Amino acid sequence: MGKRDELIEKYAEDLKEKCGMSPDMDLLTKVTIGCGPSIYDDDASTVASSQESELETVKENFLMKKLGLPDGPELMAGIEKAVETYGKSERNKYRAVFYYLLVKHFGKESVYG
């Protein structure tokens, strides 16, 4: 099992234990691959949900550019929902898991189809 497969397993555990959901492994794998090399970097592999600038970056680079969503208040509402689902007190929010939650929230699985 390669490093990426190990990370995907870790992300699936987070979805089960911290988010209370059974992950779609195919989608989780595609979202993880879509994150590129950032998943291997300690800092880039997580989302600092307490930093407004980080959430703005997620909104612009992921929701708007990658998922093609139009700008609007519902984007930040979706991000807030993902933060709540993952757990506000959870310090390490893995980027791949966070993006997976957003893909599910906005129903944009087709982007990874």
Protein backbone atom coordinates (compact mmCIF):
# COMPACT_ATOMS: atom_id res chain seq x y z
CA MET A 1 0.00 0.00 0.00
CA GLY A 2 1.43 3.35 -1.06
CA LYS A 3 1.57 6.58 0.89
CA ARG A 4 -1.50 7.98 -0.88
CA ASP A 5 -3.53 4.84 -0.09
CA GLU A 6 -2.52 5.13 3.57
CA LEU A 7 -3.66 8.76 3.62
CA ILE A 8 -6.98 7.85 1.97
CA GLU A 9 -7.53 5.24 4.70
CA LYS A 10 -6.77 7.88 7.34
CA TYR A 11 -9.23 10.30 5.67
CA ALA A 12 -11.92 7.60 5.58
CA GLU A 13 -11.42 7.05 9.32
CA ASP A 14 -11.86 10.78 9.93
CA LEU A 15 -15.10 10.78 7.94
CA LYS A 16 -16.40 7.81 9.95
CA GLU A 17 -15.25 8.85 13.42
CA LYS A 18 -15.26 12.66 13.37
CA CYS A 19 -17.93 13.41 10.77
CA GLY A 20 -20.23 10.46 11.44
CA MET A 21 -20.59 9.44 7.82
CA SER A 22 -19.77 6.45 5.72
CA PRO A 23 -17.44 7.66 2.95
CA ASP A 24 -17.88 7.01 -0.76
CA MET A 25 -14.37 5.62 -1.22
CA ASP A 26 -14.32 6.22 -4.98
CA LEU A 27 -15.20 9.89 -4.52
CA LEU A 28 -12.81 10.28 -1.58
CA THR A 29 -9.99 8.83 -3.70
CA LYS A 30 -10.74 11.22 -6.57
CA VAL A 31 -10.95 14.25 -4.25
CA THR A 32 -7.65 13.21 -2.62
CA ILE A 33 -5.94 12.86 -6.02
CA GLY A 34 -7.38 16.26 -6.95
CA CYS A 35 -5.57 17.82 -3.99
CA GLY A 36 -2.29 16.93 -5.67
CA PRO A 37 1.01 17.00 -3.77
CA SER A 38 -0.44 19.18 -0.99
CA ILE A 39 -1.60 16.03 0.85
CA TYR A 40 2.05 15.14 1.55
CA ASP A 41 2.92 18.53 3.09
CA ASP A 42 2.13 18.88 6.81
CA ASP A 43 0.97 22.49 6.53
CA ALA A 44 -0.82 22.32 3.17
CA SER A 45 -2.55 19.01 3.94
CA THR A 46 -4.79 20.64 6.55
CA VAL A 47 -7.28 23.50 6.50
CA ALA A 48 -6.82 26.17 9.19
CA SER A 49 -10.54 26.74 9.70
CA SER A 50 -10.00 29.46 12.30
CA GLN A 51 -8.20 31.67 9.75
CA GLU A 52 -10.53 33.80 7.66
CA SER A 53 -7.93 34.09 4.88
CA GLU A 54 -7.67 30.30 4.62
CA LEU A 55 -11.45 29.93 4.31
CA GLU A 56 -11.48 32.65 1.65
CA THR A 57 -8.83 30.68 -0.27
CA VAL A 58 -10.91 27.49 -0.02
CA LYS A 59 -13.92 29.43 -1.30
CA GLU A 60 -12.11 31.00 -4.27
CA ASN A 61 -9.75 28.20 -5.31
CA PHE A 62 -11.88 25.16 -4.56
CA LEU A 63 -15.56 26.09 -4.57
CA MET A 64 -15.46 28.67 -7.34
CA LYS A 65 -12.56 27.52 -9.55
CA LYS A 66 -12.64 23.74 -9.10
CA LEU A 67 -16.35 23.14 -8.50
CA GLY A 68 -17.49 26.05 -10.66
CA LEU A 69 -19.90 27.50 -8.08
CA PRO A 70 -20.97 31.15 -8.38
CA ASP A 71 -19.88 33.49 -5.58
CA GLY A 72 -22.50 34.12 -2.93
CA PRO A 73 -23.21 33.85 0.79
CA GLU A 74 -24.13 30.16 0.43
CA LEU A 75 -20.46 29.33 -0.22
CA MET A 76 -19.31 30.54 3.20
CA ALA A 77 -22.41 28.93 4.73
CA GLY A 78 -21.30 25.62 3.16
CA ILE A 79 -17.78 26.07 4.50
CA GLU A 80 -19.19 26.78 7.98
CA LYS A 81 -21.31 23.62 7.73
CA ALA A 82 -18.20 21.59 6.81
CA VAL A 83 -16.34 23.08 9.81
CA GLU A 84 -19.24 22.10 12.09
CA THR A 85 -19.50 18.61 10.61
CA TYR A 86 -15.75 18.04 11.06
CA GLY A 87 -15.92 19.56 14.54
CA LYS A 88 -14.89 23.11 15.40
CA SER A 89 -12.58 21.83 18.12
CA GLU A 90 -10.85 19.41 15.71
CA ARG A 91 -7.50 21.07 15.15
CA ASN A 92 -6.34 19.01 12.17
CA LYS A 93 -8.92 19.18 9.44
CA TYR A 94 -7.47 17.29 6.52
CA ARG A 95 -7.88 19.21 3.27
CA ALA A 96 -9.05 16.13 1.33
CA VAL A 97 -11.73 15.38 3.95
CA PHE A 98 -12.79 19.03 4.09
CA TYR A 99 -13.08 19.19 0.30
CA TYR A 100 -14.99 15.89 0.30
CA LEU A 101 -17.51 17.39 2.76
CA LEU A 102 -17.90 20.43 0.51
CA VAL A 103 -18.36 18.31 -2.63
CA LYS A 104 -21.11 16.35 -0.83
CA HIS A 105 -22.72 19.49 0.63
CA PHE A 106 -22.97 21.22 -2.75
CA GLY A 107 -23.86 18.03 -4.65
CA LYS A 108 -20.92 18.44 -7.04
CA GLU A 109 -19.84 14.79 -7.23
CA SER A 110 -20.16 15.05 -11.03
CA VAL A 111 -17.01 17.22 -11.09
CA TYR A 112 -15.12 14.06 -10.14
CA GLY A 113 -17.17 11.77 -12.38
